Protein backbone atom coordinates (compact mmCIF):
# COMPACT_ATOMS: atom_id res chain seq x y z
CA MET A 1 -29.12 -133.12 202.33
CA LYS A 2 -28.89 -129.49 201.36
CA LYS A 3 -31.25 -128.40 198.59
CA PRO A 4 -29.69 -127.09 195.36
CA THR A 5 -29.74 -123.31 194.98
CA TRP A 6 -32.13 -123.45 192.04
CA VAL A 7 -34.64 -125.44 194.09
CA VAL A 8 -34.42 -122.95 196.97
CA ASP A 9 -34.90 -120.04 194.55
CA LYS A 10 -37.87 -121.71 192.90
CA GLU A 11 -39.58 -122.34 196.25
CA ARG A 12 -38.86 -118.76 197.37
CA ASN A 13 -40.33 -117.34 194.17
CA LYS A 14 -43.39 -119.54 194.54
CA ARG A 15 -43.97 -118.30 198.09
CA ALA A 16 -43.47 -114.69 197.00
CA ALA A 17 -46.01 -115.12 194.21
CA ALA A 18 -48.50 -116.62 196.65
CA ASN A 19 -48.09 -113.62 198.95
CA GLU A 20 -48.49 -111.05 196.19
CA THR A 21 -51.60 -108.90 196.32
CA VAL A 22 -53.13 -106.27 194.06
CA TRP A 23 -55.14 -103.18 194.94
CA LEU A 24 -58.03 -102.68 192.52
CA PHE A 25 -59.73 -99.29 192.45
CA GLY A 26 -62.62 -97.58 190.72
CA ILE A 27 -66.32 -98.45 190.84
CA HIS A 28 -66.40 -100.79 187.82
CA ALA A 29 -63.24 -102.71 188.70
CA VAL A 30 -64.20 -103.13 192.36
CA ARG A 31 -67.82 -104.05 191.61
CA ASP A 32 -66.84 -106.79 189.15
CA ALA A 33 -64.20 -108.15 191.52
CA LEU A 34 -66.75 -108.29 194.36
CA LEU A 35 -69.12 -110.19 192.07
CA ASN A 36 -66.42 -112.66 190.99
CA PRO A 37 -66.75 -115.77 193.20
CA VAL A 38 -63.26 -117.05 192.31
CA ARG A 39 -61.50 -113.79 193.20
CA GLU A 40 -59.85 -113.96 196.63
CA LYS A 41 -60.68 -110.68 198.38
CA LEU A 42 -58.62 -109.46 201.33
CA ARG A 43 -59.44 -105.85 202.23
CA PHE A 44 -62.17 -103.44 201.13
CA VAL A 45 -61.89 -99.66 201.63
CA VAL A 46 -64.86 -97.54 200.58
CA THR A 47 -66.55 -94.16 201.06
CA LYS A 48 -70.26 -93.85 201.81
CA ASN A 49 -71.03 -92.56 198.33
CA ALA A 50 -69.11 -95.38 196.63
CA PHE A 51 -70.71 -97.93 198.96
CA ASP A 52 -74.15 -96.80 197.80
CA ARG A 53 -73.09 -96.90 194.14
CA LEU A 54 -71.80 -100.46 194.47
CA GLY A 55 -75.23 -101.62 195.62
CA ASP A 56 -75.80 -105.37 195.87
CA ALA A 57 -72.20 -106.14 194.87
CA VAL A 58 -71.12 -105.48 198.47
CA SER A 59 -73.49 -108.03 200.00
CA ILE A 60 -72.69 -110.57 197.28
CA GLY A 61 -68.98 -110.11 197.96
CA LEU A 62 -69.56 -110.69 201.67
CA LYS A 63 -71.47 -113.90 200.96
CA ASP A 64 -68.47 -115.14 198.95
CA GLY A 65 -66.25 -114.66 201.99
CA GLY A 66 -65.13 -111.14 201.20
CA PRO A 67 -63.92 -108.68 203.85
CA GLU A 68 -66.14 -106.28 205.76
CA PRO A 69 -66.12 -102.77 204.25
CA GLU A 70 -63.83 -100.23 205.92
CA MET A 71 -65.79 -96.99 205.70
CA CYS A 72 -63.74 -93.80 205.38
CA GLU A 73 -64.01 -90.18 204.37
CA PRO A 74 -63.02 -89.11 200.83
CA ARG A 75 -60.31 -86.79 202.16
CA ASN A 76 -58.79 -89.53 204.29
CA PHE A 77 -58.91 -92.50 201.95
CA ALA A 78 -57.20 -95.36 203.77
CA ALA A 79 -56.16 -97.66 200.90
CA PRO A 80 -52.38 -97.68 200.19
CA ILE A 81 -52.68 -96.61 196.54
CA ASP A 82 -51.29 -93.68 194.57
CA PRO A 83 -53.09 -90.54 195.78
CA GLN A 84 -53.41 -89.49 192.13
CA SER A 85 -55.37 -92.64 191.28
CA VAL A 86 -58.96 -92.00 190.27
CA HIS A 87 -60.31 -94.47 192.81
CA GLN A 88 -63.86 -93.07 192.93
CA GLY A 89 -64.00 -93.91 196.64
CA ALA A 90 -63.57 -97.69 196.29
CA ALA A 91 -60.50 -99.91 196.58
CA LEU A 92 -60.22 -103.67 197.03
CA GLU A 93 -57.12 -105.68 197.90
CA VAL A 94 -57.14 -109.05 196.11
CA LYS A 95 -54.97 -111.98 195.11
CA PRO A 96 -54.12 -112.21 191.39
CA LEU A 97 -56.30 -114.54 189.32
CA ASP A 98 -54.94 -117.86 188.08
CA TRP A 99 -56.35 -118.57 184.61
CA GLY A 100 -54.55 -121.87 184.13
CA LYS A 101 -52.71 -123.02 181.02
CA ILE A 102 -53.07 -122.41 177.29
CA GLU A 103 -54.46 -125.91 176.78
CA ASP A 104 -57.12 -125.19 179.40
CA ARG A 105 -58.31 -121.89 177.93
CA CYS A 106 -57.74 -121.94 174.18
CA MET A 107 -59.50 -125.07 172.93
CA GLY A 108 -62.69 -123.20 172.09
CA ASP A 109 -66.31 -124.13 172.74
CA GLY A 110 -66.79 -126.37 169.73
CA VAL A 111 -69.34 -123.95 168.27
CA ASN A 112 -67.47 -120.78 167.32
CA PRO A 113 -63.92 -120.80 165.90
CA PRO A 114 -61.66 -119.60 168.73
CA ARG A 115 -59.66 -116.40 168.77
CA VAL A 116 -56.63 -115.58 170.90
CA VAL A 117 -54.55 -112.40 171.26
CA LEU A 118 -50.83 -112.58 172.08
CA LEU A 119 -48.85 -109.54 173.22
CA ASP A 120 -45.14 -109.22 172.48
CA LYS A 121 -43.64 -106.92 175.16
CA VAL A 122 -46.71 -104.70 175.47
CA THR A 123 -46.05 -103.13 178.87
CA ASP A 124 -48.53 -100.24 179.14
CA PRO A 125 -51.32 -101.32 181.54
CA HIS A 126 -53.80 -98.96 179.89
CA ASN A 127 -53.21 -100.59 176.51
CA VAL A 128 -53.51 -104.09 177.96
CA GLY A 129 -56.66 -103.14 179.86
CA ALA A 130 -58.25 -101.82 176.66
CA ILE A 131 -57.20 -105.00 174.81
CA LEU A 132 -58.86 -107.13 177.50
CA ARG A 133 -62.08 -105.17 176.95
CA SER A 134 -61.94 -105.73 173.18
CA ALA A 135 -61.07 -109.41 173.64
CA GLU A 136 -64.14 -109.86 175.83
CA VAL A 137 -66.40 -108.01 173.39
CA PHE A 138 -65.27 -110.16 170.45
CA GLY A 139 -65.32 -113.41 172.42
CA ALA A 140 -61.59 -114.21 172.47
CA GLN A 141 -60.56 -117.27 174.45
CA ALA A 142 -57.60 -115.52 176.05
CA VAL A 143 -55.08 -112.72 175.97
CA ILE A 144 -51.55 -114.09 176.39
CA ALA A 145 -48.46 -112.14 177.46
CA MET A 146 -45.03 -112.95 178.87
CA ASN A 147 -44.20 -113.23 182.54
CA ARG A 148 -41.57 -110.54 182.05
CA HIS A 149 -41.69 -107.42 179.89
CA ALA A 150 -45.48 -107.32 180.04
CA ALA A 151 -48.11 -105.43 181.99
CA PRO A 152 -48.86 -107.26 185.26
CA GLU A 153 -52.27 -107.38 186.89
CA THR A 154 -52.56 -103.96 188.54
CA GLY A 155 -55.21 -101.50 189.63
CA ALA A 156 -54.52 -99.28 186.62
CA LEU A 157 -54.95 -102.22 184.24
CA ALA A 158 -58.15 -103.33 185.97
CA LYS A 159 -59.64 -99.83 185.88
CA THR A 160 -58.96 -99.48 182.15
CA ALA A 161 -60.39 -102.96 181.54
CA SER A 162 -63.58 -101.73 183.27
CA GLY A 163 -64.38 -105.12 184.79
CA ALA A 164 -63.16 -107.27 181.89
CA MET A 165 -60.17 -108.45 183.90
CA GLU A 166 -62.53 -110.52 186.05
CA ARG A 167 -63.96 -112.35 183.03
CA GLN A 168 -61.40 -112.28 180.23
CA PRO A 169 -58.56 -114.79 180.73
CA TYR A 170 -55.16 -113.08 180.88
CA LEU A 171 -52.47 -115.77 180.70
CA ARG A 172 -48.78 -115.23 181.38
CA VAL A 173 -46.13 -117.44 179.77
CA ARG A 174 -42.37 -117.69 180.03
CA ASN A 175 -41.69 -117.74 176.29
CA LEU A 176 -43.99 -116.24 173.66
CA ALA A 177 -42.54 -118.22 170.74
CA ASP A 178 -43.20 -121.46 172.63
CA ALA A 179 -46.79 -120.31 173.23
CA ILE A 180 -47.19 -119.66 169.50
CA VAL A 181 -45.89 -123.12 168.65
CA GLU A 182 -48.28 -124.66 171.18
CA LEU A 183 -51.21 -122.84 169.61
CA GLN A 184 -50.10 -123.96 166.15
CA GLY A 185 -50.09 -127.53 167.45
CA MET A 186 -53.71 -126.98 168.54
CA GLY A 187 -54.66 -125.99 165.00
CA TYR A 188 -54.37 -122.21 165.25
CA MET A 189 -53.32 -120.03 162.34
CA VAL A 190 -51.04 -117.46 163.97
CA LEU A 191 -50.90 -114.02 162.37
CA GLY A 192 -48.43 -111.33 163.41
CA LEU A 193 -49.46 -107.71 162.87
CA ASP A 194 -46.68 -105.83 161.11
CA GLY A 195 -47.11 -102.45 159.39
CA GLU A 196 -44.58 -103.48 156.73
CA ALA A 197 -46.29 -106.76 155.83
CA GLU A 198 -47.20 -107.26 152.16
CA GLN A 199 -50.69 -108.68 152.75
CA THR A 200 -53.61 -107.21 154.65
CA ILE A 201 -55.31 -109.17 157.39
CA GLU A 202 -58.47 -109.40 155.27
CA GLN A 203 -56.54 -110.96 152.38
CA VAL A 204 -54.95 -113.62 154.55
CA VAL A 205 -58.10 -114.66 156.43
CA ASP A 206 -60.38 -114.61 153.37
CA GLY A 207 -62.19 -117.95 153.35
CA LYS A 208 -60.43 -119.05 156.56
CA THR A 209 -62.46 -117.40 159.32
CA ASP A 210 -63.82 -120.83 160.28
CA ARG A 211 -60.33 -121.68 161.56
CA ALA A 212 -58.86 -120.98 164.99
CA ILE A 213 -56.89 -117.73 164.67
CA ALA A 214 -54.34 -116.16 166.98
CA LEU A 215 -53.28 -112.52 166.57
CA VAL A 216 -49.87 -111.35 167.75
CA LEU A 217 -49.28 -107.65 168.46
CA GLY A 218 -46.08 -105.91 169.45
CA ALA A 219 -45.36 -102.80 171.46
CA GLU A 220 -45.77 -99.45 169.76
CA GLY A 221 -42.48 -98.43 168.23
CA PRO A 222 -40.44 -101.67 168.36
CA GLY A 223 -43.29 -103.84 167.06
CA LEU A 224 -42.82 -107.60 166.91
CA ARG A 225 -39.41 -109.07 167.71
CA ASP A 226 -37.61 -111.02 164.98
CA LYS A 227 -38.11 -114.36 166.75
CA THR A 228 -41.82 -113.69 167.03
CA LYS A 229 -42.09 -112.81 163.35
CA GLU A 230 -40.25 -115.99 162.36
CA THR A 231 -42.59 -118.15 164.43
CA CYS A 232 -45.87 -116.72 163.08
CA ASP A 233 -47.57 -118.41 160.13
CA ALA A 234 -47.93 -115.08 158.33
CA LEU A 235 -47.40 -111.37 158.83
CA VAL A 236 -50.34 -109.09 158.07
CA LYS A 237 -51.11 -105.39 158.13
CA ILE A 238 -54.22 -103.32 158.71
CA ASP A 239 -55.16 -101.51 155.52
CA PHE A 240 -55.45 -97.73 155.72
CA ALA A 241 -57.40 -95.32 153.56
CA GLY A 242 -54.48 -92.94 153.03
CA GLU A 243 -50.80 -93.34 152.28
CA PHE A 244 -49.93 -93.34 155.96
CA GLY A 245 -51.71 -94.77 158.94
CA SER A 246 -50.92 -95.77 162.49
CA LEU A 247 -53.06 -97.19 165.28
CA ASN A 248 -52.55 -97.49 169.00
CA VAL A 249 -51.90 -101.17 169.82
CA SER A 250 -55.20 -101.53 171.67
CA ASN A 251 -57.10 -100.07 168.70
CA ALA A 252 -55.20 -102.37 166.35
CA ALA A 253 -56.24 -105.37 168.46
CA ALA A 254 -59.90 -104.37 168.23
CA VAL A 255 -59.72 -103.87 164.45
CA ALA A 256 -57.92 -107.19 163.97
CA LEU A 257 -60.42 -109.09 166.10
CA TYR A 258 -63.26 -107.55 164.10
CA ALA A 259 -61.56 -108.39 160.80
CA THR A 260 -61.18 -112.06 161.77
CA ARG A 261 -64.70 -112.57 163.12
CA SER A 262 -66.40 -115.66 161.73
CA SER A 263 -69.17 -115.09 159.21
């Protein structure tokens, strides 16, 4: 019996995803990937100088089944990455990480009230990388973005994250509103950051920092979509000292995470 077209397409997409690889570059990104035992490593291109800077990470990566280093000269760097990339003499081909599902990552540790960051069509890998760094610093359970219209796992994102991509869960979902509803069902208070909101984030979380809190940020310019706004429990703004203020989305994420830290 012939398989339905949708089944064939689903199987094809699954195979394509399994075959997808990412080239990480830069000393910090490559070192942390080599040290990550769950990261599947395929090819490692490195200069002598970078090899020395990576130190024990190379031998640890080899023990975890990583590839033998391919030594090359700086002027003839063999990795198939953008020549303008600041690779610092190190590049590592890997398979993308699978962080599992929301229910697996966002329950919290039972000690500290959990925090989660959701991104509504934030596509700039540099912004997402910086958000991953802030999420790790402030102990967020996960950063959640959509499968489409979001920054995928790339070398540029990993370099900006400066190693955080290996440790900070970055989940991808089909529908952001459904993810918000799922978090609400898990007890999260979901706050959408909107510059035109009437209440500040401090006002809304006052006396509630012991709760699980999810923060939703939109792309610079468009901000949150209407459906996202409607699904959040409340819309909040970051208070500014003057009459006008604007923050890059990655800076806004850091400020919001700090503002919602538990006392």
